[in-house]
Amino acid sequence: MNKYIVFGKSGVVVPVDVMSQTASDEIGSFMEQGFKILSDSCEASSAEEAIATWESQLKSKDNYEFVKTSSTNAISSDLDIVENHGVITSTVVAGTNFLRDILAGVRDIVGGQSGTYNNKLDQIKSDALLGLRKQAASKKCNAIVGVSIDVDEVSGGGKSMFMVTAVGTAVIVEKRA
């Protein structure tokens, strides 16, 4: 197995074997051309496998944590935004269920917070943020800034559902030089 750095620019993805004799020249050349590092720890036996491995990591639900999120216009003091790929949104509409509605009705009568609704809302918010991360990753971005979350109730016909919309700007960030 070799270790690859995966570079990307405008939808073009290129792996570089860091153990090859020309690795430093290739890395320098890609950086000069404006390519950004998409992954610096991809292990594979060939360049084709490195791209396939990187793409499969993007599609895996557990691997979207690499996309950093912030409700402000910056991620951290040591990262600079180098590319802006525009606004992305994710909306999740989900029903509670009959039992949760009954338990919430009891809470409404006796007072207090409804833990069942709070838990459901937390799950829906997480799903909406995951949707944002997936969209950012599909645009080859590694961060989302200006994230905001809006929670609404959608009701009608005797049914009530929650609608959570997450909005942000997909960007590429790099460590400050």
Protein backbone atom coordinates (compact mmCIF):
# COMPACT_ATOMS: atom_id res chain seq x y z
CA MET A 1 0.00 0.00 0.00
CA ASN A 2 1.17 3.50 -0.83
CA LYS A 3 0.13 6.77 0.72
CA TYR A 4 -1.45 9.30 -1.62
CA ILE A 5 -2.30 12.98 -1.41
CA VAL A 6 -5.45 13.69 -3.39
CA PHE A 7 -5.63 17.11 -5.09
CA GLY A 8 -8.66 18.75 -6.65
CA LYS A 9 -9.54 21.77 -8.76
CA SER A 10 -12.71 22.55 -10.69
CA GLY A 11 -13.97 18.97 -10.49
CA VAL A 12 -10.61 17.45 -11.48
CA VAL A 13 -9.21 15.00 -8.91
CA VAL A 14 -5.56 13.90 -9.06
CA PRO A 15 -3.72 11.57 -6.67
CA VAL A 16 0.03 11.84 -5.99
CA ASP A 17 2.00 8.95 -4.47
CA VAL A 18 4.01 10.61 -1.71
CA MET A 19 6.62 7.84 -1.84
CA SER A 20 7.44 8.34 -5.53
CA GLN A 21 10.72 9.99 -6.50
CA THR A 22 8.89 12.83 -8.24
CA ALA A 23 6.33 13.46 -5.49
CA SER A 24 7.73 16.80 -4.32
CA ASP A 25 7.88 18.14 -7.90
CA GLU A 26 4.33 16.93 -8.63
CA ILE A 27 2.97 18.37 -5.40
CA GLY A 28 4.66 21.71 -6.07
CA SER A 29 3.35 21.78 -9.64
CA PHE A 30 -0.25 21.07 -8.58
CA MET A 31 -0.08 23.71 -5.85
CA GLU A 32 1.26 26.29 -8.35
CA GLN A 33 -1.63 25.46 -10.68
CA GLY A 34 -4.12 26.22 -7.91
CA PHE A 35 -5.01 22.64 -6.97
CA LYS A 36 -6.12 22.17 -3.37
CA ILE A 37 -5.45 19.19 -1.09
CA LEU A 38 -8.66 17.20 -0.70
CA SER A 39 -7.11 14.42 1.37
CA ASP A 40 -3.62 13.96 2.71
CA SER A 41 -4.04 10.42 4.02
CA CYS A 42 -5.38 8.10 1.34
CA GLU A 43 -3.82 4.63 1.31
CA ALA A 44 -4.07 2.58 -1.89
CA SER A 45 -2.07 0.33 -4.16
CA SER A 46 -2.56 2.46 -7.30
CA ALA A 47 -3.61 5.95 -8.37
CA GLU A 48 -6.96 4.61 -9.63
CA GLU A 49 -7.58 2.89 -6.30
CA ALA A 50 -6.66 6.10 -4.45
CA ILE A 51 -9.35 8.02 -6.34
CA ALA A 52 -11.89 5.22 -5.76
CA THR A 53 -11.00 5.11 -2.06
CA TRP A 54 -11.32 8.88 -1.72
CA GLU A 55 -14.70 8.86 -3.54
CA SER A 56 -16.00 6.02 -1.37
CA GLN A 57 -14.98 7.95 1.74
CA LEU A 58 -17.04 10.88 0.51
CA LYS A 59 -20.09 8.67 0.03
CA SER A 60 -19.84 7.08 3.46
CA LYS A 61 -22.13 8.75 5.99
CA ASP A 62 -19.50 8.49 8.71
CA ASN A 63 -16.84 10.34 6.71
CA TYR A 64 -18.46 13.74 6.25
CA GLU A 65 -17.04 14.97 9.55
CA PHE A 66 -14.02 16.29 7.61
CA VAL A 67 -16.31 19.09 6.37
CA LYS A 68 -15.95 21.77 9.02
CA THR A 69 -18.95 23.96 9.84
CA SER A 70 -19.32 27.39 11.39
CA SER A 71 -22.20 29.78 11.97
CA THR A 72 -19.78 32.68 11.43
CA ASN A 73 -17.90 33.73 8.28
CA ALA A 74 -14.70 31.97 9.42
CA ILE A 75 -13.78 28.45 10.53
CA SER A 76 -10.80 29.17 12.78
CA SER A 77 -7.99 31.68 13.12
CA ASP A 78 -5.47 29.38 11.40
CA LEU A 79 -7.60 28.67 8.29
CA ASP A 80 -8.25 30.96 5.31
CA ILE A 81 -11.10 30.66 2.82
CA VAL A 82 -9.49 30.23 -0.61
CA GLU A 83 -12.55 29.38 -2.73
CA ASN A 84 -16.27 30.09 -2.40
CA HIS A 85 -18.62 27.60 -4.08
CA GLY A 86 -21.90 29.29 -3.20
CA VAL A 87 -24.93 28.79 -1.01
CA ILE A 88 -26.14 25.29 -0.21
CA THR A 89 -29.33 24.22 1.56
CA SER A 90 -30.67 21.07 3.11
CA THR A 91 -34.27 20.58 4.21
CA VAL A 92 -35.58 17.68 6.25
CA VAL A 93 -39.30 17.20 6.88
CA ALA A 94 -40.18 14.53 9.41
CA GLY A 95 -43.23 13.50 11.35
CA THR A 96 -43.08 12.80 15.03
CA ASN A 97 -45.46 9.88 15.50
CA PHE A 98 -48.72 9.24 17.27
CA LEU A 99 -47.13 8.19 20.58
CA ARG A 100 -44.88 11.26 20.71
CA ASP A 101 -47.91 13.47 20.05
CA ILE A 102 -49.75 11.89 23.00
CA LEU A 103 -46.76 12.30 25.33
CA ALA A 104 -46.28 15.91 24.20
CA GLY A 105 -49.98 16.55 24.82
CA VAL A 106 -49.57 15.33 28.40
CA ARG A 107 -46.53 17.62 28.82
CA ASP A 108 -48.60 20.49 27.45
CA ILE A 109 -51.22 19.92 30.17
CA VAL A 110 -48.84 19.39 33.13
CA GLY A 111 -46.09 21.74 31.95
CA GLY A 112 -42.41 21.23 31.27
CA GLN A 113 -40.33 20.39 28.23
CA SER A 114 -41.14 17.55 25.89
CA GLY A 115 -38.07 15.35 25.79
CA THR A 116 -39.55 13.32 22.94
CA TYR A 117 -39.95 16.39 20.71
CA ASN A 118 -36.54 17.76 21.74
CA ASN A 119 -34.86 14.48 20.80
CA LYS A 120 -36.72 14.33 17.47
CA LEU A 121 -35.74 17.93 16.66
CA ASP A 122 -32.10 17.24 17.53
CA GLN A 123 -32.10 14.25 15.16
CA ILE A 124 -33.70 16.26 12.34
CA LYS A 125 -31.16 19.09 12.82
CA SER A 126 -28.32 16.55 12.64
CA ASP A 127 -29.80 15.12 9.43
CA ALA A 128 -30.05 18.61 7.90
CA LEU A 129 -26.41 19.39 8.80
CA LEU A 130 -25.35 16.04 7.33
CA GLY A 131 -27.16 17.03 4.12
CA LEU A 132 -25.15 20.27 4.03
CA ARG A 133 -21.90 18.38 4.56
CA LYS A 134 -22.74 15.96 1.73
CA GLN A 135 -23.45 18.85 -0.64
CA ALA A 136 -20.22 20.61 0.29
CA ALA A 137 -18.24 17.39 -0.22
CA SER A 138 -19.87 16.85 -3.63
CA LYS A 139 -18.57 20.31 -4.59
CA LYS A 140 -15.08 19.25 -3.39
CA CYS A 141 -15.33 21.69 -0.45
CA ASN A 142 -13.98 21.04 3.03
CA ALA A 143 -15.94 23.63 5.01
CA ILE A 144 -19.27 25.45 5.32
CA VAL A 145 -19.49 28.96 6.75
CA GLY A 146 -22.48 31.08 7.73
CA VAL A 147 -24.53 28.05 8.75
CA SER A 148 -28.01 28.80 10.02
CA ILE A 149 -30.81 26.44 10.96
CA ASP A 150 -34.53 27.22 10.77
CA VAL A 151 -37.16 25.04 12.44
CA ASP A 152 -40.83 25.20 11.37
CA GLU A 153 -43.96 23.18 11.87
CA VAL A 154 -45.82 21.93 8.83
CA SER A 155 -49.40 20.97 9.59
CA GLY A 156 -52.63 20.24 7.84
CA GLY A 157 -55.16 17.49 7.46
CA GLY A 158 -54.78 16.50 11.09
CA LYS A 159 -51.06 15.83 10.66
CA SER A 160 -48.16 17.76 12.13
CA MET A 161 -44.54 17.54 11.02
CA PHE A 162 -41.29 19.37 11.67
CA MET A 163 -39.37 21.03 8.85
CA VAL A 164 -35.73 21.90 9.48
CA THR A 165 -33.80 23.87 6.89
CA ALA A 166 -30.04 24.33 7.14
CA VAL A 167 -28.31 26.94 4.95
CA GLY A 168 -24.64 27.78 4.53
CA THR A 169 -21.90 28.69 2.07
CA ALA A 170 -19.67 25.88 0.77
CA VAL A 171 -16.00 26.89 0.80
CA ILE A 172 -12.51 25.49 0.57
CA VAL A 173 -10.23 26.40 3.45
CA GLU A 174 -6.48 26.00 3.82
CA LYS A 175 -4.06 26.43 6.69
CA ARG A 176 -2.73 29.95 6.88
CA ALA A 177 0.82 30.17 5.55
